[in-house]
All heavy atoms as atom14 arrays in JSON, in Angstrom:
{
  "sequence": "MMDFLFASQDASTASLTWLTSLMADNPDILRRVREEQRMLRPHGEPL",
  "atom14_mask": [
    [1, 1, 1, 1, 1, 1, 1, 1, 0, 0, 0, 0, 0, 0],
    [1, 1, 1, 1, 1, 1, 1, 1, 0, 0, 0, 0, 0, 0],
    [1, 1, 1, 1, 1, 1, 1, 1, 0, 0, 0, 0, 0, 0],
    [1, 1, 1, 1, 1, 1, 1, 1, 1, 1, 1, 0, 0, 0],
    [1, 1, 1, 1, 1, 1, 1, 1, 0, 0, 0, 0, 0, 0],
    [1, 1, 1, 1, 1, 1, 1, 1, 1, 1, 1, 0, 0, 0],
    [1, 1, 1, 1, 1, 0, 0, 0, 0, 0, 0, 0, 0, 0],
    [1, 1, 1, 1, 1, 1, 0, 0, 0, 0, 0, 0, 0, 0],
    [1, 1, 1, 1, 1, 1, 1, 1, 1, 0, 0, 0, 0, 0],
    [1, 1, 1, 1, 1, 1, 1, 1, 0, 0, 0, 0, 0, 0],
    [1, 1, 1, 1, 1, 0, 0, 0, 0, 0, 0, 0, 0, 0],
    [1, 1, 1, 1, 1, 1, 0, 0, 0, 0, 0, 0, 0, 0],
    [1, 1, 1, 1, 1, 1, 1, 0, 0, 0, 0, 0, 0, 0],
    [1, 1, 1, 1, 1, 0, 0, 0, 0, 0, 0, 0, 0, 0],
    [1, 1, 1, 1, 1, 1, 0, 0, 0, 0, 0, 0, 0, 0],
    [1, 1, 1, 1, 1, 1, 1, 1, 0, 0, 0, 0, 0, 0],
    [1, 1, 1, 1, 1, 1, 1, 0, 0, 0, 0, 0, 0, 0],
    [1, 1, 1, 1, 1, 1, 1, 1, 1, 1, 1, 1, 1, 1],
    [1, 1, 1, 1, 1, 1, 1, 1, 0, 0, 0, 0, 0, 0],
    [1, 1, 1, 1, 1, 1, 1, 0, 0, 0, 0, 0, 0, 0],
    [1, 1, 1, 1, 1, 1, 0, 0, 0, 0, 0, 0, 0, 0],
    [1, 1, 1, 1, 1, 1, 1, 1, 0, 0, 0, 0, 0, 0],
    [1, 1, 1, 1, 1, 1, 1, 1, 0, 0, 0, 0, 0, 0],
    [1, 1, 1, 1, 1, 0, 0, 0, 0, 0, 0, 0, 0, 0],
    [1, 1, 1, 1, 1, 1, 1, 1, 0, 0, 0, 0, 0, 0],
    [1, 1, 1, 1, 1, 1, 1, 1, 0, 0, 0, 0, 0, 0],
    [1, 1, 1, 1, 1, 1, 1, 0, 0, 0, 0, 0, 0, 0],
    [1, 1, 1, 1, 1, 1, 1, 1, 0, 0, 0, 0, 0, 0],
    [1, 1, 1, 1, 1, 1, 1, 1, 0, 0, 0, 0, 0, 0],
    [1, 1, 1, 1, 1, 1, 1, 1, 0, 0, 0, 0, 0, 0],
    [1, 1, 1, 1, 1, 1, 1, 1, 1, 1, 1, 0, 0, 0],
    [1, 1, 1, 1, 1, 1, 1, 1, 1, 1, 1, 0, 0, 0],
    [1, 1, 1, 1, 1, 1, 1, 0, 0, 0, 0, 0, 0, 0],
    [1, 1, 1, 1, 1, 1, 1, 1, 1, 1, 1, 0, 0, 0],
    [1, 1, 1, 1, 1, 1, 1, 1, 1, 0, 0, 0, 0, 0],
    [1, 1, 1, 1, 1, 1, 1, 1, 1, 0, 0, 0, 0, 0],
    [1, 1, 1, 1, 1, 1, 1, 1, 1, 0, 0, 0, 0, 0],
    [1, 1, 1, 1, 1, 1, 1, 1, 1, 1, 1, 0, 0, 0],
    [1, 1, 1, 1, 1, 1, 1, 1, 0, 0, 0, 0, 0, 0],
    [1, 1, 1, 1, 1, 1, 1, 1, 0, 0, 0, 0, 0, 0],
    [1, 1, 1, 1, 1, 1, 1, 1, 1, 1, 1, 0, 0, 0],
    [1, 1, 1, 1, 1, 1, 1, 0, 0, 0, 0, 0, 0, 0],
    [1, 1, 1, 1, 1, 1, 1, 1, 1, 1, 0, 0, 0, 0],
    [1, 1, 1, 1, 0, 0, 0, 0, 0, 0, 0, 0, 0, 0],
    [1, 1, 1, 1, 1, 1, 1, 1, 1, 0, 0, 0, 0, 0],
    [1, 1, 1, 1, 1, 1, 1, 0, 0, 0, 0, 0, 0, 0],
    [1, 1, 1, 1, 1, 1, 1, 1, 0, 0, 0, 0, 0, 0]
  ],
  "atom14_positions": [
    [[114.37, -2.53, -108.98], [114.96, -1.76, -107.85], [116.49, -1.5, -108.14], [116.95, -0.44, -107.69], [114.8, -2.63, -106.53], [113.46, -2.77, -106.01], [112.67, -1.14, -105.7], [113.75, -0.45, -104.54], [0.0, 0.0, 0.0], [0.0, 0.0, 0.0], [0.0, 0.0, 0.0], [0.0, 0.0, 0.0], [0.0, 0.0, 0.0], [0.0, 0.0, 0.0]],
    [[117.15, -2.37, -108.76], [118.49, -2.1, -109.14], [118.6, -0.9, -110.07], [119.52, -0.07, -109.91], [119.13, -3.35, -109.88], [120.53, -3.14, -110.34], [121.15, -4.5, -111.43], [120.22, -4.14, -112.92], [0.0, 0.0, 0.0], [0.0, 0.0, 0.0], [0.0, 0.0, 0.0], [0.0, 0.0, 0.0], [0.0, 0.0, 0.0], [0.0, 0.0, 0.0]],
    [[117.61, -0.83, -110.99], [117.68, 0.33, -111.9], [117.34, 1.59, -111.12], [117.96, 2.66, -111.36], [116.54, 0.11, -112.98], [116.5, 1.27, -113.9], [117.54, 1.62, -114.52], [115.36, 1.87, -114.05], [0.0, 0.0, 0.0], [0.0, 0.0, 0.0], [0.0, 0.0, 0.0], [0.0, 0.0, 0.0], [0.0, 0.0, 0.0], [0.0, 0.0, 0.0]],
    [[116.4, 1.53, -110.17], [116.15, 2.71, -109.33], [117.45, 3.17, -108.6], [117.7, 4.43, -108.65], [115.06, 2.35, -108.31], [113.61, 2.66, -108.76], [113.25, 2.43, -110.04], [112.71, 3.18, -107.91], [111.99, 2.71, -110.48], [111.43, 3.41, -108.28], [111.04, 3.14, -109.59], [0.0, 0.0, 0.0], [0.0, 0.0, 0.0], [0.0, 0.0, 0.0]],
    [[118.08, 2.23, -107.96], [119.27, 2.59, -107.22], [120.31, 3.14, -108.12], [121.04, 4.14, -107.83], [119.78, 1.35, -106.53], [118.95, 1.02, -105.23], [119.36, -0.37, -104.76], [119.24, 1.98, -104.09], [0.0, 0.0, 0.0], [0.0, 0.0, 0.0], [0.0, 0.0, 0.0], [0.0, 0.0, 0.0], [0.0, 0.0, 0.0], [0.0, 0.0, 0.0]],
    [[120.54, 2.45, -109.31], [121.64, 2.86, -110.16], [121.38, 4.26, -110.81], [122.23, 5.12, -110.93], [121.84, 1.86, -111.3], [123.15, 1.94, -111.94], [124.24, 1.32, -111.42], [123.27, 2.66, -113.15], [125.48, 1.49, -112.02], [124.54, 2.76, -113.76], [125.66, 2.18, -113.18], [0.0, 0.0, 0.0], [0.0, 0.0, 0.0], [0.0, 0.0, 0.0]],
    [[120.04, 4.44, -111.24], [119.69, 5.75, -111.81], [119.84, 6.89, -110.84], [120.25, 7.97, -111.23], [118.25, 5.63, -112.34], [0.0, 0.0, 0.0], [0.0, 0.0, 0.0], [0.0, 0.0, 0.0], [0.0, 0.0, 0.0], [0.0, 0.0, 0.0], [0.0, 0.0, 0.0], [0.0, 0.0, 0.0], [0.0, 0.0, 0.0], [0.0, 0.0, 0.0]],
    [[119.55, 6.65, -109.59], [119.54, 7.76, -108.55], [120.96, 7.98, -108.14], [121.32, 9.15, -107.67], [118.66, 7.38, -107.41], [119.24, 6.33, -106.63], [0.0, 0.0, 0.0], [0.0, 0.0, 0.0], [0.0, 0.0, 0.0], [0.0, 0.0, 0.0], [0.0, 0.0, 0.0], [0.0, 0.0, 0.0], [0.0, 0.0, 0.0], [0.0, 0.0, 0.0]],
    [[121.81, 6.98, -108.14], [123.11, 7.12, -107.49], [124.02, 8.16, -108.18], [124.32, 9.17, -107.59], [123.81, 5.71, -107.44], [125.11, 5.77, -106.69], [125.01, 6.37, -105.33], [124.22, 5.84, -104.56], [125.71, 7.44, -105.07], [0.0, 0.0, 0.0], [0.0, 0.0, 0.0], [0.0, 0.0, 0.0], [0.0, 0.0, 0.0], [0.0, 0.0, 0.0]],
    [[124.36, 7.88, -109.38], [125.37, 8.81, -110.01], [124.73, 10.15, -110.35], [125.33, 11.22, -110.25], [125.96, 8.17, -111.27], [126.93, 7.14, -110.87], [128.02, 7.47, -110.37], [126.72, 5.92, -111.24], [0.0, 0.0, 0.0], [0.0, 0.0, 0.0], [0.0, 0.0, 0.0], [0.0, 0.0, 0.0], [0.0, 0.0, 0.0], [0.0, 0.0, 0.0]],
    [[123.43, 10.13, -110.77], [122.75, 11.37, -111.15], [122.66, 12.29, -109.96], [122.99, 13.49, -110.01], [121.39, 11.08, -111.74], [0.0, 0.0, 0.0], [0.0, 0.0, 0.0], [0.0, 0.0, 0.0], [0.0, 0.0, 0.0], [0.0, 0.0, 0.0], [0.0, 0.0, 0.0], [0.0, 0.0, 0.0], [0.0, 0.0, 0.0], [0.0, 0.0, 0.0]],
    [[122.2, 11.73, -108.84], [122.06, 12.62, -107.63], [123.42, 13.05, -107.05], [123.53, 14.11, -106.56], [121.21, 11.85, -106.54], [119.86, 11.69, -106.98], [0.0, 0.0, 0.0], [0.0, 0.0, 0.0], [0.0, 0.0, 0.0], [0.0, 0.0, 0.0], [0.0, 0.0, 0.0], [0.0, 0.0, 0.0], [0.0, 0.0, 0.0], [0.0, 0.0, 0.0]],
    [[124.31, 12.14, -107.04], [125.65, 12.49, -106.5], [126.24, 13.64, -107.29], [126.77, 14.6, -106.74], [126.63, 11.27, -106.58], [126.06, 10.21, -105.83], [127.95, 11.65, -106.14], [0.0, 0.0, 0.0], [0.0, 0.0, 0.0], [0.0, 0.0, 0.0], [0.0, 0.0, 0.0], [0.0, 0.0, 0.0], [0.0, 0.0, 0.0], [0.0, 0.0, 0.0]],
    [[126.04, 13.58, -108.68], [126.63, 14.68, -109.49], [125.94, 15.97, -109.17], [126.59, 17.09, -108.97], [126.44, 14.32, -110.98], [0.0, 0.0, 0.0], [0.0, 0.0, 0.0], [0.0, 0.0, 0.0], [0.0, 0.0, 0.0], [0.0, 0.0, 0.0], [0.0, 0.0, 0.0], [0.0, 0.0, 0.0], [0.0, 0.0, 0.0], [0.0, 0.0, 0.0]],
    [[124.6, 15.95, -109.03], [123.84, 17.18, -108.78], [124.15, 17.78, -107.39], [124.23, 19.02, -107.21], [122.27, 16.93, -108.86], [121.98, 16.62, -110.2], [0.0, 0.0, 0.0], [0.0, 0.0, 0.0], [0.0, 0.0, 0.0], [0.0, 0.0, 0.0], [0.0, 0.0, 0.0], [0.0, 0.0, 0.0], [0.0, 0.0, 0.0], [0.0, 0.0, 0.0]],
    [[124.35, 16.91, -106.33], [124.66, 17.37, -105.07], [126.09, 17.96, -104.99], [126.33, 18.97, -104.4], [124.69, 16.13, -104.04], [123.25, 15.63, -103.74], [123.36, 14.24, -103.0], [122.38, 16.57, -102.99], [0.0, 0.0, 0.0], [0.0, 0.0, 0.0], [0.0, 0.0, 0.0], [0.0, 0.0, 0.0], [0.0, 0.0, 0.0], [0.0, 0.0, 0.0]],
    [[126.98, 17.4, -105.82], [128.37, 17.96, -105.89], [128.33, 19.29, -106.59], [128.99, 20.24, -106.13], [129.25, 16.97, -106.68], [129.25, 15.67, -106.04], [130.72, 17.48, -106.59], [0.0, 0.0, 0.0], [0.0, 0.0, 0.0], [0.0, 0.0, 0.0], [0.0, 0.0, 0.0], [0.0, 0.0, 0.0], [0.0, 0.0, 0.0], [0.0, 0.0, 0.0]],
    [[127.53, 19.43, -107.65], [127.34, 20.72, -108.31], [126.77, 21.76, -107.39], [127.27, 22.87, -107.28], [126.52, 20.63, -109.51], [127.22, 20.12, -110.81], [127.15, 18.91, -111.38], [128.28, 20.86, -111.43], [128.04, 18.88, -112.42], [128.74, 20.04, -112.58], [128.84, 22.15, -111.31], [129.68, 20.46, -113.42], [129.81, 22.54, -112.2], [130.28, 21.69, -113.27]],
    [[125.78, 21.4, -106.63], [125.22, 22.39, -105.7], [126.21, 22.83, -104.63], [126.34, 24.07, -104.34], [124.0, 21.75, -104.91], [122.66, 21.78, -105.49], [121.69, 21.07, -104.63], [122.2, 23.26, -105.76], [0.0, 0.0, 0.0], [0.0, 0.0, 0.0], [0.0, 0.0, 0.0], [0.0, 0.0, 0.0], [0.0, 0.0, 0.0], [0.0, 0.0, 0.0]],
    [[127.02, 21.89, -104.15], [128.06, 22.26, -103.16], [129.01, 23.3, -103.69], [129.42, 24.27, -103.11], [128.77, 21.0, -102.65], [127.77, 20.1, -102.16], [129.82, 21.36, -101.61], [0.0, 0.0, 0.0], [0.0, 0.0, 0.0], [0.0, 0.0, 0.0], [0.0, 0.0, 0.0], [0.0, 0.0, 0.0], [0.0, 0.0, 0.0], [0.0, 0.0, 0.0]],
    [[129.5, 23.05, -104.91], [130.5, 23.89, -105.53], [129.91, 25.22, -105.98], [130.48, 26.31, -105.83], [131.21, 23.27, -106.78], [130.27, 22.9, -107.77], [0.0, 0.0, 0.0], [0.0, 0.0, 0.0], [0.0, 0.0, 0.0], [0.0, 0.0, 0.0], [0.0, 0.0, 0.0], [0.0, 0.0, 0.0], [0.0, 0.0, 0.0], [0.0, 0.0, 0.0]],
    [[128.65, 25.22, -106.53], [128.07, 26.44, -107.02], [127.65, 27.38, -105.87], [127.88, 28.59, -106.03], [126.75, 26.04, -107.86], [126.95, 25.5, -109.22], [125.62, 24.91, -109.74], [127.56, 26.5, -110.18], [0.0, 0.0, 0.0], [0.0, 0.0, 0.0], [0.0, 0.0, 0.0], [0.0, 0.0, 0.0], [0.0, 0.0, 0.0], [0.0, 0.0, 0.0]],
    [[127.19, 26.81, -104.71], [126.86, 27.7, -103.65], [128.16, 28.38, -103.06], [128.16, 29.49, -102.68], [126.17, 26.87, -102.6], [124.78, 26.5, -102.94], [123.64, 27.96, -103.12], [123.04, 27.58, -104.79], [0.0, 0.0, 0.0], [0.0, 0.0, 0.0], [0.0, 0.0, 0.0], [0.0, 0.0, 0.0], [0.0, 0.0, 0.0], [0.0, 0.0, 0.0]],
    [[129.3, 27.61, -102.99], [130.46, 28.07, -102.51], [131.04, 29.2, -103.45], [131.58, 30.2, -102.97], [131.54, 26.96, -102.36], [0.0, 0.0, 0.0], [0.0, 0.0, 0.0], [0.0, 0.0, 0.0], [0.0, 0.0, 0.0], [0.0, 0.0, 0.0], [0.0, 0.0, 0.0], [0.0, 0.0, 0.0], [0.0, 0.0, 0.0], [0.0, 0.0, 0.0]],
    [[130.79, 29.03, -104.73], [131.3, 29.99, -105.71], [130.39, 31.2, -105.81], [130.73, 32.22, -106.47], [131.46, 29.38, -107.06], [132.67, 28.37, -107.06], [133.4, 28.39, -106.15], [132.64, 27.53, -108.02], [0.0, 0.0, 0.0], [0.0, 0.0, 0.0], [0.0, 0.0, 0.0], [0.0, 0.0, 0.0], [0.0, 0.0, 0.0], [0.0, 0.0, 0.0]],
    [[129.18, 31.14, -105.3], [128.18, 32.18, -105.4], [127.6, 32.55, -104.01], [126.47, 32.23, -103.69], [127.03, 31.78, -106.35], [127.45, 31.62, -107.75], [127.49, 32.56, -108.58], [127.8, 30.38, -108.11], [0.0, 0.0, 0.0], [0.0, 0.0, 0.0], [0.0, 0.0, 0.0], [0.0, 0.0, 0.0], [0.0, 0.0, 0.0], [0.0, 0.0, 0.0]],
    [[128.44, 33.28, -103.25], [128.04, 33.55, -101.85], [126.72, 34.35, -101.71], [125.99, 34.2, -100.77], [129.21, 34.25, -101.28], [129.92, 34.73, -102.43], [129.76, 33.71, -103.48], [0.0, 0.0, 0.0], [0.0, 0.0, 0.0], [0.0, 0.0, 0.0], [0.0, 0.0, 0.0], [0.0, 0.0, 0.0], [0.0, 0.0, 0.0], [0.0, 0.0, 0.0]],
    [[126.46, 35.27, -102.72], [125.23, 36.11, -102.63], [123.98, 35.18, -102.78], [122.92, 35.38, -102.17], [125.23, 37.17, -103.75], [126.22, 38.26, -103.45], [126.63, 38.38, -102.2], [126.6, 39.01, -104.3], [0.0, 0.0, 0.0], [0.0, 0.0, 0.0], [0.0, 0.0, 0.0], [0.0, 0.0, 0.0], [0.0, 0.0, 0.0], [0.0, 0.0, 0.0]],
    [[124.08, 34.17, -103.63], [122.93, 33.27, -103.81], [122.81, 32.41, -102.51], [121.65, 32.23, -101.99], [123.16, 32.28, -105.04], [123.18, 33.22, -106.33], [122.13, 31.22, -105.09], [123.49, 32.42, -107.59], [0.0, 0.0, 0.0], [0.0, 0.0, 0.0], [0.0, 0.0, 0.0], [0.0, 0.0, 0.0], [0.0, 0.0, 0.0], [0.0, 0.0, 0.0]],
    [[123.89, 31.92, -101.96], [123.85, 31.14, -100.72], [123.17, 32.04, -99.61], [122.48, 31.49, -98.8], [125.21, 30.67, -100.31], [125.31, 29.82, -99.11], [124.36, 28.61, -99.12], [126.76, 29.4, -98.9], [0.0, 0.0, 0.0], [0.0, 0.0, 0.0], [0.0, 0.0, 0.0], [0.0, 0.0, 0.0], [0.0, 0.0, 0.0], [0.0, 0.0, 0.0]],
    [[123.59, 33.28, -99.53], [123.01, 34.16, -98.52], [121.49, 34.22, -98.61], [120.8, 34.15, -97.6], [123.59, 35.58, -98.68], [122.99, 36.61, -97.72], [123.52, 38.02, -98.05], [123.42, 38.37, -99.38], [122.27, 38.81, -99.96], [121.16, 38.86, -99.26], [122.26, 39.12, -101.17], [0.0, 0.0, 0.0], [0.0, 0.0, 0.0], [0.0, 0.0, 0.0]],
    [[120.99, 34.21, -99.82], [119.51, 34.33, -99.98], [118.85, 32.98, -99.64], [117.72, 33.02, -99.09], [119.17, 34.68, -101.41], [119.57, 36.16, -101.84], [119.47, 36.36, -103.27], [118.15, 36.23, -103.81], [117.79, 36.31, -105.07], [118.68, 36.4, -106.02], [116.47, 36.24, -105.42], [0.0, 0.0, 0.0], [0.0, 0.0, 0.0], [0.0, 0.0, 0.0]],
    [[119.52, 31.9, -99.9], [119.01, 30.57, -99.37], [118.98, 30.56, -97.95], [117.96, 30.18, -97.33], [119.89, 29.42, -99.93], [119.49, 28.17, -99.23], [119.88, 29.29, -101.45], [0.0, 0.0, 0.0], [0.0, 0.0, 0.0], [0.0, 0.0, 0.0], [0.0, 0.0, 0.0], [0.0, 0.0, 0.0], [0.0, 0.0, 0.0], [0.0, 0.0, 0.0]],
    [[119.95, 31.06, -97.18], [119.98, 31.04, -95.75], [118.86, 32.0, -95.25], [118.28, 31.66, -94.2], [121.39, 31.55, -95.3], [122.37, 30.46, -95.45], [123.77, 30.89, -95.01], [124.72, 29.77, -94.95], [125.98, 29.85, -95.35], [126.52, 30.98, -95.83], [126.72, 28.78, -95.25], [0.0, 0.0, 0.0], [0.0, 0.0, 0.0], [0.0, 0.0, 0.0]],
    [[118.72, 33.11, -95.85], [117.59, 33.96, -95.39], [116.24, 33.32, -95.47], [115.45, 33.5, -94.63], [117.6, 35.3, -96.24], [118.85, 36.25, -95.93], [118.88, 37.37, -96.93], [118.02, 37.44, -97.9], [119.7, 38.24, -96.73], [0.0, 0.0, 0.0], [0.0, 0.0, 0.0], [0.0, 0.0, 0.0], [0.0, 0.0, 0.0], [0.0, 0.0, 0.0]],
    [[116.0, 32.63, -96.56], [114.73, 31.94, -96.69], [114.55, 30.81, -95.67], [113.5, 30.63, -95.06], [114.63, 31.34, -98.13], [113.31, 30.56, -98.34], [113.15, 30.07, -99.78], [113.84, 29.01, -100.08], [112.42, 30.66, -100.49], [0.0, 0.0, 0.0], [0.0, 0.0, 0.0], [0.0, 0.0, 0.0], [0.0, 0.0, 0.0], [0.0, 0.0, 0.0]],
    [[115.6, 30.13, -95.46], [115.61, 29.03, -94.44], [115.37, 29.59, -93.01], [114.69, 29.03, -92.28], [116.9, 28.22, -94.43], [117.12, 27.41, -95.77], [116.0, 26.42, -96.0], [115.5, 25.71, -95.11], [115.4, 26.41, -97.22], [0.0, 0.0, 0.0], [0.0, 0.0, 0.0], [0.0, 0.0, 0.0], [0.0, 0.0, 0.0], [0.0, 0.0, 0.0]],
    [[115.99, 30.72, -92.72], [115.78, 31.34, -91.38], [114.36, 31.8, -91.19], [113.75, 31.73, -90.11], [116.77, 32.51, -91.2], [118.19, 32.13, -90.76], [118.97, 33.28, -90.21], [119.28, 34.25, -91.32], [120.38, 34.25, -92.0], [121.29, 33.31, -91.82], [120.52, 35.18, -92.94], [0.0, 0.0, 0.0], [0.0, 0.0, 0.0], [0.0, 0.0, 0.0]],
    [[113.75, 32.23, -92.28], [112.34, 32.63, -92.25], [111.37, 31.47, -91.99], [110.54, 31.53, -91.18], [111.97, 33.36, -93.53], [110.53, 33.84, -93.55], [110.09, 34.62, -95.12], [110.12, 33.18, -96.22], [0.0, 0.0, 0.0], [0.0, 0.0, 0.0], [0.0, 0.0, 0.0], [0.0, 0.0, 0.0], [0.0, 0.0, 0.0], [0.0, 0.0, 0.0]],
    [[111.68, 30.36, -92.71], [110.82, 29.13, -92.59], [111.19, 28.27, -91.44], [110.25, 27.71, -90.88], [111.0, 28.36, -93.91], [110.45, 29.02, -95.24], [110.76, 28.15, -96.39], [108.92, 29.23, -95.14], [0.0, 0.0, 0.0], [0.0, 0.0, 0.0], [0.0, 0.0, 0.0], [0.0, 0.0, 0.0], [0.0, 0.0, 0.0], [0.0, 0.0, 0.0]],
    [[112.46, 28.25, -91.0], [112.9, 27.39, -89.97], [113.81, 28.21, -89.03], [115.03, 27.93, -88.99], [113.64, 26.15, -90.49], [112.82, 25.33, -91.46], [113.66, 23.99, -91.89], [114.84, 24.3, -92.54], [116.0, 23.82, -92.23], [116.08, 23.02, -91.11], [117.16, 24.07, -92.84], [0.0, 0.0, 0.0], [0.0, 0.0, 0.0], [0.0, 0.0, 0.0]],
    [[113.24, 29.14, -88.3], [114.03, 30.01, -87.39], [114.92, 29.32, -86.38], [115.96, 29.83, -85.94], [113.06, 30.98, -86.87], [111.75, 30.25, -86.86], [111.83, 29.45, -88.08], [0.0, 0.0, 0.0], [0.0, 0.0, 0.0], [0.0, 0.0, 0.0], [0.0, 0.0, 0.0], [0.0, 0.0, 0.0], [0.0, 0.0, 0.0], [0.0, 0.0, 0.0]],
    [[114.53, 28.16, -86.02], [115.18, 27.4, -84.94], [115.84, 26.1, -85.53], [116.1, 25.16, -84.83], [114.27, 27.07, -83.82], [113.66, 28.34, -83.18], [114.42, 29.36, -82.54], [112.37, 28.76, -83.2], [113.53, 30.32, -82.16], [112.36, 29.98, -82.57], [0.0, 0.0, 0.0], [0.0, 0.0, 0.0], [0.0, 0.0, 0.0], [0.0, 0.0, 0.0]],
    [[116.03, 26.16, -86.82], [116.57, 24.85, -87.46], [115.68, 23.7, -87.4], [116.17, 22.53, -87.24], [0.0, 0.0, 0.0], [0.0, 0.0, 0.0], [0.0, 0.0, 0.0], [0.0, 0.0, 0.0], [0.0, 0.0, 0.0], [0.0, 0.0, 0.0], [0.0, 0.0, 0.0], [0.0, 0.0, 0.0], [0.0, 0.0, 0.0], [0.0, 0.0, 0.0]],
    [[114.36, 23.89, -87.41], [113.42, 22.82, -87.28], [113.7, 21.73, -88.35], [114.17, 22.05, -89.45], [112.06, 23.37, -87.52], [111.49, 24.18, -86.37], [111.98, 25.61, -86.47], [112.75, 25.98, -87.33], [111.47, 26.46, -85.65], [0.0, 0.0, 0.0], [0.0, 0.0, 0.0], [0.0, 0.0, 0.0], [0.0, 0.0, 0.0], [0.0, 0.0, 0.0]],
    [[113.29, 20.46, -88.01], [113.42, 19.37, -88.96], [112.62, 19.63, -90.21], [111.58, 20.3, -90.06], [113.0, 18.16, -88.21], [113.06, 18.51, -86.79], [112.85, 19.96, -86.69], [0.0, 0.0, 0.0], [0.0, 0.0, 0.0], [0.0, 0.0, 0.0], [0.0, 0.0, 0.0], [0.0, 0.0, 0.0], [0.0, 0.0, 0.0], [0.0, 0.0, 0.0]],
    [[113.0, 19.13, -91.32], [112.31, 19.3, -92.5], [111.02, 18.5, -92.61], [110.96, 17.39, -92.01], [113.12, 18.87, -93.75], [114.52, 19.6, -93.91], [115.2, 19.07, -95.11], [114.31, 21.09, -94.07], [0.0, 0.0, 0.0], [0.0, 0.0, 0.0], [0.0, 0.0, 0.0], [0.0, 0.0, 0.0], [0.0, 0.0, 0.0], [0.0, 0.0, 0.0]]
  ]
}
């Protein structure tokens, strides 16, 4: 379990940080993500 937690911690944190910066730097890509989400979850439904 320690290995699970350790393996997921830094790897996922890095990927989440990259997603945050990449979407901010690529507004056209983020717009397409939002369009897909509005189509699938028009009222912000839970995942």
